[in-house]
Amino acid sequence: MGTQEYEFAEIMVDKLILESFANEQSLYHTEKKKPSKANLDRYRHRLKWHIGHSLSMRQKQVIRHYLKGRTERDIAKKLGITQQVVHIYKHRAIKKLYKYLIT
């Protein structure tokens, strides 16, 4: 039986790269920084704009009722649709808003 040889390349790692990794926070890091008022205001403005301009008419209706604290059942009665349809509109609207706000 023959022997197999494996070659391993040495990788030079710059000290600055190691330090930059050490300064980054893990995804599991639990300490949260409090967002500044300016960032919150900008985020609210973008959210309002996208609700008004990026969603379908029905999605806007559902999200506005939802933001007022109404339940899916109450929204369904008010709009004359089933609770499951309300859930679908809400889910799609939130997914769309998330996509626009993250980018």
Protein backbone atom coordinates (compact mmCIF):
# COMPACT_ATOMS: atom_id res chain seq x y z
CA MET A 1 0.00 0.00 0.00
CA GLY A 2 1.40 3.36 -1.03
CA THR A 3 1.72 6.37 1.19
CA GLN A 4 0.05 9.63 0.35
CA GLU A 5 1.73 12.95 0.79
CA TYR A 6 -0.15 16.08 1.63
CA GLU A 7 1.24 19.52 1.10
CA PHE A 8 0.15 22.33 3.34
CA ALA A 9 0.78 25.92 2.41
CA GLU A 10 1.79 28.33 5.10
CA ILE A 11 -0.40 31.38 5.06
CA MET A 12 1.07 34.63 6.26
CA VAL A 13 -1.50 36.53 8.28
CA ASP A 14 -1.06 40.21 8.83
CA LYS A 15 -1.29 41.43 12.43
CA LEU A 16 -3.81 44.14 11.39
CA ILE A 17 -6.17 41.49 10.00
CA LEU A 18 -6.10 39.60 13.29
CA GLU A 19 -6.75 42.78 15.26
CA SER A 20 -9.66 43.72 13.01
CA PHE A 21 -11.28 40.31 13.61
CA ALA A 22 -10.84 40.75 17.34
CA ASN A 23 -12.63 44.11 17.24
CA GLU A 24 -15.65 42.79 15.33
CA GLN A 25 -18.71 41.72 17.27
CA SER A 26 -20.12 38.26 16.92
CA LEU A 27 -23.65 37.75 15.59
CA TYR A 28 -24.38 36.22 18.97
CA HIS A 29 -23.14 39.27 20.88
CA THR A 30 -25.93 40.25 23.25
CA GLU A 31 -24.90 43.79 24.16
CA LYS A 32 -26.96 46.13 22.01
CA LYS A 33 -26.05 49.70 21.30
CA LYS A 34 -28.85 52.17 21.67
CA PRO A 35 -29.57 53.81 18.31
CA SER A 36 -29.28 57.57 18.16
CA LYS A 37 -32.35 59.77 17.81
CA ALA A 38 -31.20 60.87 14.36
CA ASN A 39 -30.95 57.25 13.17
CA LEU A 40 -34.39 56.43 14.57
CA ASP A 41 -35.92 59.50 12.90
CA ARG A 42 -34.32 58.60 9.57
CA TYR A 43 -35.53 55.01 9.90
CA ARG A 44 -39.10 56.15 10.72
CA HIS A 45 -39.10 58.51 7.74
CA ARG A 46 -37.95 55.76 5.38
CA LEU A 47 -40.53 53.35 6.81
CA LYS A 48 -43.39 55.85 6.34
CA TRP A 49 -42.25 56.61 2.79
CA HIS A 50 -42.06 52.94 1.81
CA ILE A 51 -45.44 52.18 3.37
CA GLY A 52 -46.93 54.94 1.25
CA HIS A 53 -45.06 54.23 -1.99
CA SER A 54 -43.87 50.60 -2.09
CA LEU A 55 -46.89 48.61 -0.94
CA SER A 56 -50.10 47.69 -2.74
CA MET A 57 -53.30 49.40 -1.63
CA ARG A 58 -54.44 46.36 0.36
CA GLN A 59 -51.03 45.89 1.99
CA LYS A 60 -51.11 49.55 3.08
CA GLN A 61 -54.55 49.09 4.61
CA VAL A 62 -53.52 45.97 6.51
CA ILE A 63 -50.23 47.44 7.77
CA ARG A 64 -51.85 50.70 8.90
CA HIS A 65 -54.48 48.78 10.90
CA TYR A 66 -51.79 46.49 12.26
CA LEU A 67 -49.65 49.46 13.36
CA LYS A 68 -52.67 50.84 15.22
CA GLY A 69 -52.64 47.67 17.32
CA ARG A 70 -55.55 45.84 15.74
CA THR A 71 -55.53 42.05 15.54
CA GLU A 72 -55.68 40.09 12.30
CA ARG A 73 -59.24 39.06 13.17
CA ASP A 74 -60.33 42.71 13.64
CA ILE A 75 -58.62 43.76 10.42
CA ALA A 76 -60.32 40.92 8.53
CA LYS A 77 -63.76 42.00 9.75
CA LYS A 78 -63.08 45.65 8.93
CA LEU A 79 -61.84 44.90 5.39
CA GLY A 80 -64.29 42.08 4.65
CA ILE A 81 -61.65 39.42 3.99
CA THR A 82 -60.55 36.29 5.85
CA GLN A 83 -58.02 36.32 8.65
CA GLN A 84 -55.67 34.15 6.60
CA VAL A 85 -55.70 36.68 3.73
CA VAL A 86 -54.88 39.43 6.23
CA HIS A 87 -51.96 37.33 7.47
CA ILE A 88 -50.69 36.88 3.90
CA TYR A 89 -50.94 40.63 3.13
CA LYS A 90 -49.18 41.47 6.41
CA HIS A 91 -46.42 38.92 5.82
CA ARG A 92 -45.76 40.09 2.25
CA ALA A 93 -45.80 43.75 3.26
CA ILE A 94 -43.36 43.20 6.12
CA LYS A 95 -41.09 41.17 3.84
CA LYS A 96 -41.15 43.96 1.24
CA LEU A 97 -40.51 46.71 3.80
CA TYR A 98 -37.65 44.75 5.33
CA LYS A 99 -36.04 44.39 1.90
CA TYR A 100 -36.28 48.15 1.25
CA LEU A 101 -35.15 49.25 4.68
CA ILE A 102 -32.13 46.99 4.90
CA THR A 103 -30.68 48.07 1.57
